N, C-alpha and C. Protein backbone atom coordinates (compact mmCIF):
# COMPACT_ATOMS: atom_id res chain seq x y z
N MET A 1 0.81 -1.19 0.00
CA MET A 1 0.00 0.00 0.00
C MET A 1 0.87 1.27 0.00
N SER A 2 1.97 1.27 0.77
CA SER A 2 2.81 2.45 0.83
C SER A 2 3.54 2.68 -0.50
N ALA A 3 3.85 1.62 -1.24
CA ALA A 3 4.48 1.77 -2.55
C ALA A 3 3.51 2.43 -3.52
N ARG A 4 2.25 2.09 -3.45
CA ARG A 4 1.24 2.67 -4.31
C ARG A 4 1.10 4.18 -4.01
N ILE A 5 1.11 4.55 -2.76
CA ILE A 5 1.02 5.96 -2.38
C ILE A 5 2.24 6.72 -2.88
N LEU A 6 3.41 6.12 -2.74
CA LEU A 6 4.64 6.75 -3.22
C LEU A 6 4.59 6.95 -4.73
N ILE A 7 4.12 5.96 -5.46
CA ILE A 7 4.03 6.06 -6.93
C ILE A 7 3.06 7.16 -7.32
N ILE A 8 1.92 7.22 -6.66
CA ILE A 8 0.93 8.26 -6.95
C ILE A 8 1.50 9.64 -6.63
N ALA A 9 2.18 9.77 -5.50
CA ALA A 9 2.78 11.05 -5.12
C ALA A 9 3.84 11.49 -6.13
N LEU A 10 4.68 10.54 -6.57
CA LEU A 10 5.70 10.87 -7.57
C LEU A 10 5.04 11.26 -8.90
N GLY A 11 4.01 10.55 -9.29
CA GLY A 11 3.31 10.86 -10.53
C GLY A 11 2.67 12.24 -10.49
N LEU A 12 2.02 12.57 -9.38
CA LEU A 12 1.41 13.89 -9.24
C LEU A 12 2.46 14.99 -9.22
N THR A 13 3.57 14.75 -8.55
CA THR A 13 4.66 15.72 -8.52
C THR A 13 5.20 15.96 -9.93
N ALA A 14 5.41 14.90 -10.68
CA ALA A 14 5.90 15.02 -12.06
C ALA A 14 4.89 15.77 -12.93
N LEU A 15 3.61 15.47 -12.77
CA LEU A 15 2.57 16.14 -13.53
C LEU A 15 2.54 17.63 -13.22
N LEU A 16 2.57 17.98 -11.94
CA LEU A 16 2.56 19.39 -11.54
C LEU A 16 3.81 20.11 -12.02
N ALA A 17 4.95 19.46 -11.94
CA ALA A 17 6.19 20.08 -12.44
C ALA A 17 6.11 20.30 -13.95
N GLY A 18 5.59 19.33 -14.67
CA GLY A 18 5.44 19.47 -16.12
C GLY A 18 4.48 20.60 -16.49
N LEU A 19 3.36 20.67 -15.80
CA LEU A 19 2.40 21.76 -16.05
C LEU A 19 3.02 23.12 -15.71
N GLY A 20 3.75 23.17 -14.63
CA GLY A 20 4.42 24.42 -14.25
C GLY A 20 5.44 24.84 -15.29
N MET A 21 6.23 23.89 -15.78
CA MET A 21 7.24 24.18 -16.80
C MET A 21 6.57 24.68 -18.09
N TYR A 22 5.48 24.02 -18.48
CA TYR A 22 4.74 24.43 -19.69
C TYR A 22 4.25 25.87 -19.52
N TYR A 23 3.64 26.17 -18.40
CA TYR A 23 3.13 27.52 -18.15
C TYR A 23 4.27 28.54 -18.22
N LEU A 24 5.38 28.24 -17.59
CA LEU A 24 6.50 29.18 -17.58
C LEU A 24 7.03 29.42 -18.98
N GLN A 25 7.13 28.39 -19.80
CA GLN A 25 7.68 28.53 -21.15
C GLN A 25 6.73 29.24 -22.10
N VAL A 26 5.44 28.99 -21.97
CA VAL A 26 4.48 29.48 -22.96
C VAL A 26 3.81 30.79 -22.55
N TYR A 27 3.62 31.01 -21.27
CA TYR A 27 2.87 32.19 -20.84
C TYR A 27 3.63 33.14 -19.92
N ALA A 28 4.27 32.65 -18.92
CA ALA A 28 4.74 33.48 -17.81
C ALA A 28 5.76 34.54 -18.21
N TYR A 29 6.67 34.25 -19.11
CA TYR A 29 7.75 35.19 -19.39
C TYR A 29 7.45 36.16 -20.53
N TYR A 30 6.33 35.97 -21.23
CA TYR A 30 5.98 36.87 -22.33
C TYR A 30 5.15 38.04 -21.85
N ASP A 31 5.41 39.19 -22.42
CA ASP A 31 4.60 40.38 -22.18
C ASP A 31 4.08 40.87 -23.52
N GLU A 32 2.81 41.22 -23.56
CA GLU A 32 2.28 41.88 -24.76
C GLU A 32 2.71 43.33 -24.72
N LEU A 33 3.14 43.84 -25.86
CA LEU A 33 3.67 45.19 -25.95
C LEU A 33 2.70 46.09 -26.71
N SER A 34 2.65 47.34 -26.33
CA SER A 34 1.87 48.33 -27.07
C SER A 34 2.73 48.83 -28.25
N ALA A 35 2.07 49.51 -29.16
CA ALA A 35 2.80 50.09 -30.30
C ALA A 35 3.86 51.08 -29.82
N GLU A 36 3.57 51.80 -28.75
CA GLU A 36 4.53 52.76 -28.20
C GLU A 36 5.75 52.04 -27.63
N GLN A 37 5.54 50.89 -27.00
CA GLN A 37 6.67 50.14 -26.44
C GLN A 37 7.55 49.56 -27.54
N VAL A 38 6.95 49.15 -28.63
CA VAL A 38 7.71 48.58 -29.75
C VAL A 38 8.47 49.67 -30.48
N GLY A 39 7.85 50.82 -30.63
CA GLY A 39 8.44 51.90 -31.41
C GLY A 39 8.13 51.71 -32.87
N PRO A 40 8.69 52.54 -33.73
CA PRO A 40 8.38 52.43 -35.15
C PRO A 40 8.97 51.16 -35.75
N VAL A 41 8.30 50.64 -36.76
CA VAL A 41 8.85 49.52 -37.54
C VAL A 41 9.81 50.14 -38.54
N LEU A 42 11.06 49.70 -38.46
CA LEU A 42 12.12 50.25 -39.30
C LEU A 42 12.52 49.27 -40.39
N LEU A 43 12.90 49.79 -41.54
CA LEU A 43 13.53 49.01 -42.59
C LEU A 43 14.77 49.77 -43.04
N VAL A 44 15.83 49.04 -43.34
CA VAL A 44 17.09 49.66 -43.74
C VAL A 44 17.10 49.83 -45.26
N PRO A 45 17.21 51.07 -45.75
CA PRO A 45 17.28 51.29 -47.19
C PRO A 45 18.53 50.65 -47.79
N GLN A 46 18.44 50.24 -49.03
CA GLN A 46 19.59 49.67 -49.72
C GLN A 46 20.71 50.70 -49.74
N GLY A 47 21.92 50.26 -49.41
CA GLY A 47 23.08 51.14 -49.39
C GLY A 47 23.19 51.98 -48.14
N SER A 48 22.41 51.69 -47.13
CA SER A 48 22.44 52.47 -45.89
C SER A 48 22.65 51.53 -44.71
N ASP A 49 22.98 52.10 -43.57
CA ASP A 49 23.12 51.32 -42.34
C ASP A 49 22.02 51.60 -41.34
N ALA A 50 21.33 52.73 -41.52
CA ALA A 50 20.32 53.15 -40.55
C ALA A 50 18.92 52.89 -41.09
N GLY A 51 18.06 52.38 -40.23
CA GLY A 51 16.69 52.12 -40.63
C GLY A 51 15.85 53.37 -40.66
N GLU A 52 14.80 53.32 -41.47
CA GLU A 52 13.83 54.41 -41.50
C GLU A 52 12.45 53.83 -41.25
N PRO A 53 11.58 54.59 -40.59
CA PRO A 53 10.26 54.07 -40.26
C PRO A 53 9.40 53.86 -41.50
N VAL A 54 8.61 52.80 -41.46
CA VAL A 54 7.61 52.56 -42.50
C VAL A 54 6.24 52.56 -41.83
N ALA A 55 5.25 52.92 -42.60
CA ALA A 55 3.89 52.97 -42.07
C ALA A 55 3.36 51.55 -41.85
N VAL A 56 2.82 51.31 -40.68
CA VAL A 56 2.17 50.02 -40.38
C VAL A 56 0.88 50.31 -39.62
N GLN A 57 0.00 49.32 -39.65
CA GLN A 57 -1.27 49.40 -38.92
C GLN A 57 -1.46 48.11 -38.15
N ASP A 58 -2.33 48.16 -37.15
CA ASP A 58 -2.74 46.96 -36.39
C ASP A 58 -1.56 46.20 -35.79
N LEU A 59 -0.62 46.90 -35.20
CA LEU A 59 0.57 46.27 -34.63
C LEU A 59 0.22 45.51 -33.35
N ARG A 60 0.64 44.26 -33.31
CA ARG A 60 0.58 43.44 -32.09
C ARG A 60 1.97 42.88 -31.89
N ALA A 61 2.44 42.86 -30.64
CA ALA A 61 3.80 42.36 -30.39
C ALA A 61 3.90 41.74 -29.00
N ILE A 62 4.85 40.82 -28.89
CA ILE A 62 5.19 40.21 -27.61
C ILE A 62 6.70 40.18 -27.47
N ASP A 63 7.17 40.13 -26.24
CA ASP A 63 8.60 40.03 -25.97
C ASP A 63 8.78 39.41 -24.60
N SER A 64 10.00 39.04 -24.32
CA SER A 64 10.33 38.44 -23.04
C SER A 64 11.71 38.89 -22.62
N ASN A 65 11.88 39.13 -21.34
CA ASN A 65 13.19 39.49 -20.82
C ASN A 65 14.10 38.28 -20.70
N SER A 66 13.54 37.08 -20.80
CA SER A 66 14.33 35.87 -20.59
C SER A 66 15.22 35.50 -21.77
N SER A 67 14.98 36.09 -22.94
CA SER A 67 15.79 35.77 -24.11
C SER A 67 15.69 36.91 -25.13
N PRO A 68 16.79 37.26 -25.78
CA PRO A 68 16.73 38.34 -26.77
C PRO A 68 16.06 37.92 -28.08
N ILE A 69 15.79 36.64 -28.27
CA ILE A 69 15.18 36.21 -29.53
C ILE A 69 13.71 35.82 -29.36
N ARG A 70 13.06 36.28 -28.32
CA ARG A 70 11.64 35.96 -28.13
C ARG A 70 10.71 37.05 -28.67
N PHE A 71 11.23 38.11 -29.23
CA PHE A 71 10.40 39.17 -29.79
C PHE A 71 9.67 38.66 -31.03
N ARG A 72 8.37 38.95 -31.11
CA ARG A 72 7.56 38.66 -32.29
C ARG A 72 6.58 39.81 -32.46
N ALA A 73 6.27 40.16 -33.72
CA ALA A 73 5.30 41.21 -33.99
C ALA A 73 4.54 40.88 -35.27
N CYS A 74 3.31 41.33 -35.31
CA CYS A 74 2.46 41.21 -36.50
C CYS A 74 1.85 42.58 -36.77
N PHE A 75 1.66 42.90 -38.05
CA PHE A 75 1.11 44.19 -38.43
C PHE A 75 0.71 44.12 -39.89
N THR A 76 0.11 45.17 -40.39
CA THR A 76 -0.16 45.27 -41.82
C THR A 76 0.61 46.46 -42.37
N VAL A 77 1.07 46.30 -43.59
CA VAL A 77 1.84 47.33 -44.27
C VAL A 77 1.02 47.80 -45.47
N PRO A 78 0.61 49.07 -45.50
CA PRO A 78 -0.21 49.53 -46.62
C PRO A 78 0.55 49.64 -47.95
N GLU A 79 1.87 49.80 -47.89
CA GLU A 79 2.65 49.94 -49.13
C GLU A 79 2.80 48.59 -49.82
N PRO A 80 2.69 48.56 -51.16
CA PRO A 80 2.85 47.29 -51.89
C PRO A 80 4.24 46.68 -51.68
N LEU A 81 4.28 45.36 -51.67
CA LEU A 81 5.53 44.62 -51.44
C LEU A 81 6.60 44.98 -52.47
N ASP A 82 6.23 45.13 -53.73
CA ASP A 82 7.23 45.46 -54.75
C ASP A 82 7.89 46.81 -54.47
N GLY A 83 7.13 47.77 -53.96
CA GLY A 83 7.69 49.07 -53.61
C GLY A 83 8.71 48.95 -52.48
N LEU A 84 8.38 48.14 -51.49
CA LEU A 84 9.32 47.92 -50.38
C LEU A 84 10.59 47.22 -50.89
N ALA A 85 10.40 46.18 -51.73
CA ALA A 85 11.54 45.41 -52.22
C ALA A 85 12.47 46.26 -53.08
N GLY A 86 11.94 47.27 -53.73
CA GLY A 86 12.77 48.13 -54.57
C GLY A 86 13.62 49.11 -53.77
N ARG A 87 13.24 49.35 -52.52
CA ARG A 87 13.95 50.37 -51.74
C ARG A 87 14.74 49.83 -50.56
N TYR A 88 14.34 48.71 -50.00
CA TYR A 88 14.92 48.27 -48.73
C TYR A 88 15.81 47.04 -48.88
N ALA A 89 16.79 46.94 -47.98
CA ALA A 89 17.80 45.88 -48.03
C ALA A 89 17.16 44.53 -47.66
N PRO A 90 17.38 43.53 -48.51
CA PRO A 90 16.88 42.19 -48.16
C PRO A 90 17.69 41.60 -47.01
N TYR A 91 17.08 40.66 -46.30
CA TYR A 91 17.77 39.96 -45.22
C TYR A 91 18.09 38.56 -45.72
N GLU A 92 19.37 38.22 -45.69
CA GLU A 92 19.81 36.91 -46.16
C GLU A 92 19.47 35.83 -45.14
N ASP A 93 18.93 34.75 -45.59
CA ASP A 93 18.62 33.57 -44.77
C ASP A 93 17.71 33.87 -43.58
N PRO A 94 16.54 34.45 -43.84
CA PRO A 94 15.61 34.70 -42.73
C PRO A 94 15.02 33.39 -42.23
N THR A 95 14.92 33.25 -40.93
CA THR A 95 14.37 32.04 -40.32
C THR A 95 13.40 32.46 -39.21
N PRO A 96 12.11 32.56 -39.55
CA PRO A 96 11.16 32.93 -38.50
C PRO A 96 11.10 31.87 -37.41
N LEU A 97 11.06 32.31 -36.18
CA LEU A 97 11.04 31.41 -35.03
C LEU A 97 9.62 31.26 -34.52
N ASN A 98 9.29 30.11 -33.98
CA ASN A 98 7.94 29.85 -33.48
C ASN A 98 7.57 30.83 -32.38
N ALA A 99 6.30 31.15 -32.36
CA ALA A 99 5.72 31.98 -31.30
C ALA A 99 4.81 31.09 -30.46
N PRO A 100 4.49 31.52 -29.25
CA PRO A 100 3.54 30.73 -28.46
C PRO A 100 2.20 30.62 -29.20
N SER A 101 1.51 29.52 -29.03
CA SER A 101 0.26 29.29 -29.76
C SER A 101 -0.79 30.36 -29.49
N TRP A 102 -0.77 30.98 -28.33
CA TRP A 102 -1.76 32.01 -28.02
C TRP A 102 -1.52 33.29 -28.80
N PHE A 103 -0.32 33.49 -29.34
CA PHE A 103 -0.03 34.65 -30.20
C PHE A 103 -0.29 34.21 -31.63
N ASP A 104 -1.57 34.10 -31.97
CA ASP A 104 -2.00 33.39 -33.17
C ASP A 104 -1.79 34.15 -34.48
N CYS A 105 -1.42 35.42 -34.45
CA CYS A 105 -1.19 36.13 -35.71
C CYS A 105 0.16 35.77 -36.32
N PHE A 106 1.04 35.16 -35.55
CA PHE A 106 2.41 34.85 -36.01
C PHE A 106 2.54 33.35 -36.19
N ASP A 107 2.58 32.91 -37.44
CA ASP A 107 2.73 31.48 -37.75
C ASP A 107 4.05 31.30 -38.50
N ALA A 108 5.07 30.87 -37.78
CA ALA A 108 6.41 30.76 -38.35
C ALA A 108 6.45 29.83 -39.56
N ARG A 109 5.68 28.76 -39.54
CA ARG A 109 5.68 27.82 -40.67
C ARG A 109 5.15 28.50 -41.93
N THR A 110 4.03 29.20 -41.82
CA THR A 110 3.46 29.89 -42.98
C THR A 110 4.40 30.96 -43.50
N ILE A 111 4.99 31.73 -42.60
CA ILE A 111 5.92 32.78 -43.00
C ILE A 111 7.14 32.16 -43.69
N GLY A 112 7.71 31.11 -43.09
CA GLY A 112 8.87 30.43 -43.67
C GLY A 112 8.58 29.86 -45.04
N GLU A 113 7.42 29.23 -45.20
CA GLU A 113 7.05 28.67 -46.50
C GLU A 113 6.91 29.76 -47.55
N ALA A 114 6.31 30.90 -47.18
CA ALA A 114 6.16 32.01 -48.11
C ALA A 114 7.52 32.59 -48.50
N LEU A 115 8.44 32.65 -47.54
CA LEU A 115 9.78 33.14 -47.84
C LEU A 115 10.51 32.18 -48.78
N GLU A 116 10.40 30.88 -48.51
CA GLU A 116 11.05 29.88 -49.38
C GLU A 116 10.47 29.89 -50.78
N ALA A 117 9.16 30.10 -50.89
CA ALA A 117 8.51 30.12 -52.20
C ALA A 117 8.78 31.42 -52.95
N GLY A 118 9.29 32.43 -52.26
CA GLY A 118 9.57 33.71 -52.89
C GLY A 118 8.37 34.63 -52.96
N THR A 119 7.25 34.24 -52.34
CA THR A 119 6.08 35.12 -52.35
C THR A 119 6.17 36.19 -51.28
N ALA A 120 6.90 35.94 -50.22
CA ALA A 120 7.15 36.93 -49.18
C ALA A 120 8.60 37.39 -49.30
N ARG A 121 8.87 38.56 -48.76
CA ARG A 121 10.24 39.07 -48.77
C ARG A 121 10.62 39.46 -47.35
N ALA A 122 11.89 39.22 -47.03
CA ALA A 122 12.42 39.58 -45.71
C ALA A 122 13.39 40.74 -45.86
N PHE A 123 13.34 41.65 -44.88
CA PHE A 123 14.16 42.84 -44.90
C PHE A 123 14.88 43.00 -43.56
N LEU A 124 16.04 43.63 -43.61
CA LEU A 124 16.74 43.99 -42.39
C LEU A 124 16.01 45.16 -41.75
N SER A 125 15.69 45.03 -40.48
CA SER A 125 15.05 46.11 -39.75
C SER A 125 16.07 46.83 -38.87
N VAL A 126 16.73 46.08 -37.99
CA VAL A 126 17.76 46.66 -37.12
C VAL A 126 18.92 45.66 -37.03
N LYS A 127 20.10 46.08 -37.46
CA LYS A 127 21.29 45.25 -37.33
C LYS A 127 21.80 45.36 -35.90
N ASP A 128 22.07 44.23 -35.28
CA ASP A 128 22.59 44.19 -33.91
C ASP A 128 21.72 44.99 -32.94
N ILE A 129 20.45 44.65 -32.88
CA ILE A 129 19.56 45.28 -31.90
C ILE A 129 20.12 45.01 -30.50
N ARG A 130 20.73 43.86 -30.33
CA ARG A 130 21.64 43.50 -29.25
C ARG A 130 22.78 42.78 -29.96
N TYR A 131 23.94 42.73 -29.34
CA TYR A 131 25.07 42.12 -30.02
C TYR A 131 24.70 40.73 -30.54
N GLY A 132 24.91 40.52 -31.85
CA GLY A 132 24.67 39.21 -32.46
C GLY A 132 23.22 38.91 -32.79
N ILE A 133 22.32 39.87 -32.57
CA ILE A 133 20.89 39.66 -32.80
C ILE A 133 20.38 40.75 -33.74
N ASP A 134 19.75 40.35 -34.84
CA ASP A 134 19.13 41.30 -35.77
C ASP A 134 17.62 41.25 -35.64
N ARG A 135 16.97 42.37 -35.92
CA ARG A 135 15.51 42.37 -36.06
C ARG A 135 15.23 42.23 -37.55
N VAL A 136 14.39 41.27 -37.89
CA VAL A 136 14.03 40.96 -39.27
C VAL A 136 12.55 41.26 -39.46
N VAL A 137 12.20 41.79 -40.62
CA VAL A 137 10.80 42.03 -40.98
C VAL A 137 10.52 41.28 -42.27
N ALA A 138 9.42 40.55 -42.30
CA ALA A 138 8.98 39.86 -43.52
C ALA A 138 7.60 40.40 -43.88
N VAL A 139 7.36 40.55 -45.17
CA VAL A 139 6.08 41.06 -45.65
C VAL A 139 5.55 40.12 -46.72
N LEU A 140 4.27 39.78 -46.59
CA LEU A 140 3.58 38.94 -47.56
C LEU A 140 2.92 39.83 -48.62
N PRO A 141 2.59 39.28 -49.79
CA PRO A 141 1.97 40.10 -50.84
C PRO A 141 0.66 40.76 -50.43
N ASP A 142 -0.07 40.17 -49.49
CA ASP A 142 -1.34 40.75 -49.05
C ASP A 142 -1.16 41.87 -48.03
N GLY A 143 0.10 42.23 -47.70
CA GLY A 143 0.37 43.33 -46.79
C GLY A 143 0.58 42.93 -45.35
N ARG A 144 0.38 41.65 -45.02
CA ARG A 144 0.65 41.23 -43.65
C ARG A 144 2.16 41.25 -43.43
N GLY A 145 2.56 41.84 -42.31
CA GLY A 145 3.97 41.93 -41.97
C GLY A 145 4.25 41.28 -40.63
N PHE A 146 5.48 40.82 -40.48
CA PHE A 146 5.90 40.10 -39.27
C PHE A 146 7.32 40.51 -38.94
N ALA A 147 7.62 40.56 -37.66
CA ALA A 147 8.98 40.88 -37.23
C ALA A 147 9.39 39.89 -36.15
N TRP A 148 10.69 39.58 -36.13
CA TRP A 148 11.25 38.71 -35.10
C TRP A 148 12.72 39.02 -34.96
N HIS A 149 13.31 38.53 -33.90
CA HIS A 149 14.76 38.67 -33.68
C HIS A 149 15.42 37.36 -34.08
N GLN A 150 16.56 37.49 -34.74
CA GLN A 150 17.28 36.33 -35.25
C GLN A 150 18.77 36.48 -34.97
N ILE A 151 19.41 35.40 -34.58
CA ILE A 151 20.85 35.42 -34.34
C ILE A 151 21.56 35.58 -35.69
N ASN A 152 22.48 36.54 -35.76
CA ASN A 152 23.22 36.76 -37.01
C ASN A 152 24.53 35.96 -37.01
N ALA A 153 25.30 36.08 -38.09
CA ALA A 153 26.53 35.28 -38.26
C ALA A 153 27.53 35.56 -37.14
N CYS A 154 27.67 36.82 -36.72
CA CYS A 154 28.61 37.15 -35.64
C CYS A 154 28.14 36.51 -34.34
N GLY A 155 26.85 36.61 -34.06
CA GLY A 155 26.30 36.04 -32.83
C GLY A 155 26.45 34.54 -32.77
N GLU A 156 26.23 33.85 -33.89
CA GLU A 156 26.37 32.39 -33.90
C GLU A 156 27.74 31.96 -33.41
N VAL A 157 28.77 32.64 -33.88
CA VAL A 157 30.14 32.28 -33.53
C VAL A 157 30.44 32.66 -32.07
N VAL A 158 30.13 33.89 -31.71
CA VAL A 158 30.46 34.39 -30.36
C VAL A 158 29.67 33.64 -29.30
N PHE A 159 28.39 33.37 -29.55
CA PHE A 159 27.56 32.68 -28.56
C PHE A 159 28.00 31.22 -28.37
N ASP A 160 28.75 30.69 -29.33
CA ASP A 160 29.32 29.35 -29.16
C ASP A 160 30.65 29.38 -28.43
N GLY A 161 31.06 30.57 -27.96
CA GLY A 161 32.28 30.68 -27.17
C GLY A 161 33.53 30.94 -27.98
N GLN A 162 33.40 31.18 -29.27
CA GLN A 162 34.55 31.45 -30.13
C GLN A 162 34.79 32.96 -30.22
N PRO A 163 36.00 33.37 -30.58
CA PRO A 163 36.25 34.80 -30.78
C PRO A 163 35.47 35.31 -32.00
N ALA A 164 35.16 36.60 -31.97
CA ALA A 164 34.41 37.21 -33.07
C ALA A 164 35.21 37.12 -34.36
N PRO A 165 34.57 36.68 -35.44
CA PRO A 165 35.27 36.62 -36.73
C PRO A 165 35.59 38.02 -37.27
N GLU A 166 36.46 38.07 -38.22
CA GLU A 166 36.82 39.34 -38.84
C GLU A 166 35.58 39.93 -39.50
N GLY A 167 35.44 41.23 -39.36
CA GLY A 167 34.28 41.92 -39.92
C GLY A 167 33.14 42.10 -38.94
N CYS A 168 33.23 41.47 -37.79
CA CYS A 168 32.20 41.62 -36.76
C CYS A 168 32.58 42.75 -35.82
N PRO A 169 31.58 43.41 -35.25
CA PRO A 169 31.91 44.46 -34.27
C PRO A 169 32.55 43.85 -33.03
N PRO A 170 33.26 44.66 -32.25
CA PRO A 170 33.87 44.14 -31.03
C PRO A 170 32.78 43.60 -30.08
N VAL A 171 33.12 42.54 -29.38
CA VAL A 171 32.17 41.92 -28.45
C VAL A 171 32.10 42.77 -27.19
N PRO A 172 30.89 43.17 -26.78
CA PRO A 172 30.79 43.89 -25.50
C PRO A 172 31.29 43.03 -24.36
N GLU A 173 31.77 43.65 -23.31
CA GLU A 173 32.35 42.90 -22.19
C GLU A 173 31.39 41.92 -21.58
N ARG A 174 30.12 42.24 -21.47
CA ARG A 174 29.16 41.33 -20.81
C ARG A 174 28.94 40.05 -21.60
N ASN A 175 29.27 40.02 -22.92
CA ASN A 175 29.10 38.82 -23.73
C ASN A 175 30.35 37.94 -23.74
N GLU A 176 31.46 38.46 -23.27
CA GLU A 176 32.71 37.71 -23.36
C GLU A 176 32.78 36.61 -22.33
C-alpha cells in the first residue's frame, strides 16, 4: 500500500512540475507590448546602415526578458511589397522562429514557406539590436507583416564561445 502511495505522489509531482514548466515557457515570461513600447517599424534602405520608419497598422507584439530572440510582432503594411523590395535591403537567410500558440497572428511555418517560395520578402530592420541579434521584418503580398529577432553570423560564432570573426563588431564585455 505504501508503494502505491509513493508512486501516486511521484506521478502527481511530475505532472505538476510538467504543467508548471509548460506555463513558464508558454505564458509566464511573455509580455504583450503596445505600439509605443515597440516603437516604429524600421527598414534599412539599400546602401544604408540606418533604418527608417515605414507605415504600419494593427501592430501586435510580444517580448520576453528571458531571451533576446523571443520578440515577435504582427502588423499590416499599406505599401505594396514590390515598392518595399525596390527600396529596402533584403535579409539573407531569414528564419522565422515559433511563437507561443496564443499569439496566433504569427505562424512561423506559414511565413517560412512564403519566404522559401519567394512570395514573401524579408528585410533587415535593425542590425545588432543586441550584439549578435538582428531584427528581421517579412512582408507577404497581401500586406501582412511580421517581425522577429534572429541570431546573425557574428552572434552564432560568439555565442558558441569562439572569438568574433573578422568583420564583426567588437564583443561587449558582458558577452565575453
